[in-house]
């Protein structure tokens, strides 16, 4: 039982580390997407006029 608990704790720590890494990447991506969306919107606004 103790071994399983230790393994699952390590697995959770590993998983959380991976998740945090992915989370920060997603944050960067959403920031990039925001900027690109603004650029696309401004371009679309220019073409509409």
PDB file of N, CA and C in Angstrom:
ATOM      1  N   UNK A   1       0.840  -1.203   0.000  1.00  0.00           N
ATOM      2  CA  UNK A   1       0.000   0.000   0.000  1.00  0.00           C
ATOM      3  C   UNK A   1       0.878   1.258   0.000  1.00  0.00           C
ATOM      4  N   UNK A   2       1.904   1.255   0.854  1.00  0.00           N
ATOM      5  CA  UNK A   2       2.784   2.424   0.924  1.00  0.00           C
ATOM      6  C   UNK A   2       3.488   2.685  -0.389  1.00  0.00           C
ATOM      7  N   UNK A   3       3.890   1.572  -1.050  1.00  0.00           N
ATOM      8  CA  UNK A   3       4.607   1.709  -2.314  1.00  0.00           C
ATOM      9  C   UNK A   3       3.703   2.354  -3.369  1.00  0.00           C
ATOM     10  N   UNK A   4       2.461   1.895  -3.429  1.00  0.00           N
ATOM     11  CA  UNK A   4       1.510   2.427  -4.407  1.00  0.00           C
ATOM     12  C   UNK A   4       1.286   3.919  -4.150  1.00  0.00           C
ATOM     13  N   UNK A   5       1.166   4.267  -2.859  1.00  0.00           N
ATOM     14  CA  UNK A   5       0.926   5.663  -2.484  1.00  0.00           C
ATOM     15  C   UNK A   5       2.101   6.538  -2.930  1.00  0.00           C
ATOM     16  N   UNK A   6       3.326   6.025  -2.682  1.00  0.00           N
ATOM     17  CA  UNK A   6       4.511   6.788  -3.060  1.00  0.00           C
ATOM     18  C   UNK A   6       4.556   6.950  -4.583  1.00  0.00           C
ATOM     19  N   UNK A   7       4.237   5.873  -5.289  1.00  0.00           N
ATOM     20  CA  UNK A   7       4.256   5.918  -6.751  1.00  0.00           C
ATOM     21  C   UNK A   7       3.222   6.913  -7.268  1.00  0.00           C
ATOM     22  N   UNK A   8       2.023   6.861  -6.693  1.00  0.00           N
ATOM     23  CA  UNK A   8       0.976   7.752  -7.173  1.00  0.00           C
ATOM     24  C   UNK A   8       1.324   9.204  -6.842  1.00  0.00           C
ATOM     25  N   UNK A   9       1.957   9.418  -5.690  1.00  0.00           N
ATOM     26  CA  UNK A   9       2.367  10.778  -5.340  1.00  0.00           C
ATOM     27  C   UNK A   9       3.409  11.287  -6.327  1.00  0.00           C
ATOM     28  N   UNK A  10       4.363  10.399  -6.683  1.00  0.00           N
ATOM     29  CA  UNK A  10       5.384  10.793  -7.651  1.00  0.00           C
ATOM     30  C   UNK A  10       4.721  11.051  -9.000  1.00  0.00           C
ATOM     31  N   UNK A  11       3.783  10.181  -9.356  1.00  0.00           N
ATOM     32  CA  UNK A  11       3.084  10.338 -10.628  1.00  0.00           C
ATOM     33  C   UNK A  11       2.306  11.638 -10.676  1.00  0.00           C
ATOM     34  N   UNK A  12       1.662  11.974  -9.560  1.00  0.00           N
ATOM     35  CA  UNK A  12       0.908  13.220  -9.520  1.00  0.00           C
ATOM     36  C   UNK A  12       1.841  14.425  -9.626  1.00  0.00           C
ATOM     37  N   UNK A  13       2.985  14.349  -8.940  1.00  0.00           N
ATOM     38  CA  UNK A  13       3.955  15.443  -9.019  1.00  0.00           C
ATOM     39  C   UNK A  13       4.471  15.599 -10.438  1.00  0.00           C
ATOM     40  N   UNK A  14       4.777  14.467 -11.069  1.00  0.00           N
ATOM     41  CA  UNK A  14       5.257  14.469 -12.445  1.00  0.00           C
ATOM     42  C   UNK A  14       4.185  15.045 -13.366  1.00  0.00           C
ATOM     43  N   UNK A  15       2.945  14.590 -13.160  1.00  0.00           N
ATOM     44  CA  UNK A  15       1.823  15.042 -13.983  1.00  0.00           C
ATOM     45  C   UNK A  15       1.611  16.544 -13.812  1.00  0.00           C
ATOM     46  N   UNK A  16       1.662  17.006 -12.558  1.00  0.00           N
ATOM     47  CA  UNK A  16       1.467  18.433 -12.298  1.00  0.00           C
ATOM     48  C   UNK A  16       2.580  19.248 -12.959  1.00  0.00           C
ATOM     49  N   UNK A  17       3.801  18.733 -12.918  1.00  0.00           N
ATOM     50  CA  UNK A  17       4.915  19.430 -13.554  1.00  0.00           C
ATOM     51  C   UNK A  17       4.690  19.545 -15.050  1.00  0.00           C
ATOM     52  N   UNK A  18       4.263  18.443 -15.673  1.00  0.00           N
ATOM     53  CA  UNK A  18       3.986  18.447 -17.109  1.00  0.00           C
ATOM     54  C   UNK A  18       2.848  19.416 -17.415  1.00  0.00           C
ATOM     55  N   UNK A  19       1.814  19.358 -16.567  1.00  0.00           N
ATOM     56  CA  UNK A  19       0.630  20.185 -16.782  1.00  0.00           C
ATOM     57  C   UNK A  19       0.977  21.672 -16.683  1.00  0.00           C
ATOM     58  N   UNK A  20       1.827  22.010 -15.706  1.00  0.00           N
ATOM     59  CA  UNK A  20       2.230  23.406 -15.539  1.00  0.00           C
ATOM     60  C   UNK A  20       3.022  23.874 -16.755  1.00  0.00           C
ATOM     61  N   UNK A  21       3.863  22.976 -17.268  1.00  0.00           N
ATOM     62  CA  UNK A  21       4.645  23.313 -18.464  1.00  0.00           C
ATOM     63  C   UNK A  21       3.702  23.593 -19.624  1.00  0.00           C
ATOM     64  N   UNK A  22       2.737  22.692 -19.815  1.00  0.00           N
ATOM     65  CA  UNK A  22       1.766  22.835 -20.901  1.00  0.00           C
ATOM     66  C   UNK A  22       0.941  24.096 -20.691  1.00  0.00           C
ATOM     67  N   UNK A  23       0.568  24.350 -19.423  1.00  0.00           N
ATOM     68  CA  UNK A  23      -0.258  25.509 -19.100  1.00  0.00           C
ATOM     69  C   UNK A  23       0.450  26.801 -19.498  1.00  0.00           C
ATOM     70  N   UNK A  24       1.739  26.908 -19.191  1.00  0.00           N
ATOM     71  CA  UNK A  24       2.471  28.131 -19.527  1.00  0.00           C
ATOM     72  C   UNK A  24       2.598  28.266 -21.039  1.00  0.00           C
ATOM     73  N   UNK A  25       2.754  27.130 -21.741  1.00  0.00           N
ATOM     74  CA  UNK A  25       2.823  27.168 -23.205  1.00  0.00           C
ATOM     75  C   UNK A  25       1.497  27.635 -23.778  1.00  0.00           C
ATOM     76  N   UNK A  26       0.390  27.139 -23.190  1.00  0.00           N
ATOM     77  CA  UNK A  26      -0.930  27.534 -23.662  1.00  0.00           C
ATOM     78  C   UNK A  26      -1.146  29.021 -23.434  1.00  0.00           C
ATOM     79  N   UNK A  27      -0.662  29.523 -22.296  1.00  0.00           N
ATOM     80  CA  UNK A  27      -0.797  30.949 -22.008  1.00  0.00           C
ATOM     81  C   UNK A  27      -0.085  31.761 -23.072  1.00  0.00           C
ATOM     82  N   UNK A  28       1.132  31.345 -23.419  1.00  0.00           N
ATOM     83  CA  UNK A  28       1.900  32.046 -24.442  1.00  0.00           C
ATOM     84  C   UNK A  28       1.162  31.986 -25.767  1.00  0.00           C
ATOM     85  N   UNK A  29       0.617  30.804 -26.079  1.00  0.00           N
ATOM     86  CA  UNK A  29      -0.092  30.634 -27.344  1.00  0.00           C
ATOM     87  C   UNK A  29      -1.323  31.519 -27.409  1.00  0.00           C
ATOM     88  N   UNK A  30      -2.067  31.587 -26.292  1.00  0.00           N
ATOM     89  CA  UNK A  30      -3.281  32.403 -26.301  1.00  0.00           C
ATOM     90  C   UNK A  30      -2.910  33.880 -26.443  1.00  0.00           C
ATOM     91  N   UNK A  31      -1.780  34.268 -25.867  1.00  0.00           N
ATOM     92  CA  UNK A  31      -1.327  35.651 -26.014  1.00  0.00           C
ATOM     93  C   UNK A  31      -1.002  35.925 -27.483  1.00  0.00           C
ATOM     94  N   UNK A  32      -0.292  34.982 -28.100  1.00  0.00           N
ATOM     95  CA  UNK A  32       0.068  35.124 -29.518  1.00  0.00           C
ATOM     96  C   UNK A  32      -1.209  35.162 -30.356  1.00  0.00           C
ATOM     97  N   UNK A  33      -2.187  34.302 -29.990  1.00  0.00           N
ATOM     98  CA  UNK A  33      -3.439  34.243 -30.735  1.00  0.00           C
ATOM     99  C   UNK A  33      -4.185  35.563 -30.611  1.00  0.00           C
ATOM    100  N   UNK A  34      -4.157  36.152 -29.407  1.00  0.00           N
ATOM    101  CA  UNK A  34      -4.822  37.440 -29.191  1.00  0.00           C
ATOM    102  C   UNK A  34      -4.243  38.484 -30.135  1.00  0.00           C
ATOM    103  N   UNK A  35      -2.916  38.529 -30.190  1.00  0.00           N
ATOM    104  CA  UNK A  35      -2.242  39.516 -31.042  1.00  0.00           C
ATOM    105  C   UNK A  35      -2.581  39.265 -32.505  1.00  0.00           C
ATOM    106  N   UNK A  36      -2.528  37.993 -32.926  1.00  0.00           N
ATOM    107  CA  UNK A  36      -2.804  37.673 -34.329  1.00  0.00           C
ATOM    108  C   UNK A  36      -4.270  37.953 -34.659  1.00  0.00           C
ATOM    109  N   UNK A  37      -5.171  37.695 -33.693  1.00  0.00           N
ATOM    110  CA  UNK A  37      -6.588  37.993 -33.904  1.00  0.00           C
ATOM    111  C   UNK A  37      -6.789  39.496 -34.114  1.00  0.00           C
ATOM    112  N   UNK A  38      -6.104  40.288 -33.308  1.00  0.00           N
ATOM    113  CA  UNK A  38      -6.207  41.752 -33.441  1.00  0.00           C
ATOM    114  C   UNK A  38      -5.706  42.192 -34.810  1.00  0.00           C
ATOM    115  N   UNK A  39      -4.592  41.588 -35.244  1.00  0.00           N
ATOM    116  CA  UNK A  39      -4.035  41.933 -36.551  1.00  0.00           C
ATOM    117  C   UNK A  39      -5.018  41.564 -37.650  1.00  0.00           C
ATOM    118  N   UNK A  40      -5.593  40.352 -37.544  1.00  0.00           N
ATOM    119  CA  UNK A  40      -6.551  39.885 -38.553  1.00  0.00           C
ATOM    120  C   UNK A  40      -7.774  40.798 -38.572  1.00  0.00           C
ATOM    121  N   UNK A  41      -8.246  41.160 -37.375  1.00  0.00           N
ATOM    122  CA  UNK A  41      -9.419  42.032 -37.283  1.00  0.00           C
ATOM    123  C   UNK A  41      -9.129  43.398 -37.900  1.00  0.00           C
ATOM    124  N   UNK A  42      -7.952  43.938 -37.636  1.00  0.00           N
ATOM    125  CA  UNK A  42      -7.613  45.248 -38.185  1.00  0.00           C
ATOM    126  C   UNK A  42      -7.481  45.157 -39.706  1.00  0.00           C
ATOM    127  N   UNK A  43      -6.924  44.061 -40.201  1.00  0.00           N
ATOM    128  CA  UNK A  43      -6.806  43.861 -41.645  1.00  0.00           C
ATOM    129  C   UNK A  43      -8.192  43.720 -42.267  1.00  0.00           C
ATOM    130  N   UNK A  44      -9.061  42.960 -41.603  1.00  0.00           N
ATOM    131  CA  UNK A  44     -10.421  42.766 -42.100  1.00  0.00           C
ATOM    132  C   UNK A  44     -11.171  44.090 -42.101  1.00  0.00           C
ATOM    133  N   UNK A  45     -10.954  44.897 -41.072  1.00  0.00           N
ATOM    134  CA  UNK A  45     -11.591  46.217 -41.002  1.00  0.00           C
ATOM    135  C   UNK A  45     -11.137  47.098 -42.149  1.00  0.00           C
ATOM    136  N   UNK A  46      -9.849  46.998 -42.499  1.00  0.00           N
ATOM    137  CA  UNK A  46      -9.303  47.810 -43.594  1.00  0.00           C
ATOM    138  C   UNK A  46      -9.898  47.370 -44.921  1.00  0.00           C
ATOM    139  N   UNK A  47     -10.042  46.061 -45.106  1.00  0.00           N
ATOM    140  CA  UNK A  47     -10.552  45.563 -46.380  1.00  0.00           C
ATOM    141  C   UNK A  47     -12.041  45.870 -46.527  1.00  0.00           C
ATOM    142  N   UNK A  48     -12.773  45.897 -45.399  1.00  0.00           N
ATOM    143  CA  UNK A  48     -14.209  46.217 -45.461  1.00  0.00           C
ATOM    144  C   UNK A  48     -14.421  47.644 -45.962  1.00  0.00           C
ATOM    145  N   UNK A  49     -13.605  48.580 -45.465  1.00  0.00           N
ATOM    146  CA  UNK A  49     -13.739  49.972 -45.888  1.00  0.00           C
ATOM    147  C   UNK A  49     -13.215  50.113 -47.314  1.00  0.00           C
TER     148      UNK A  49
END
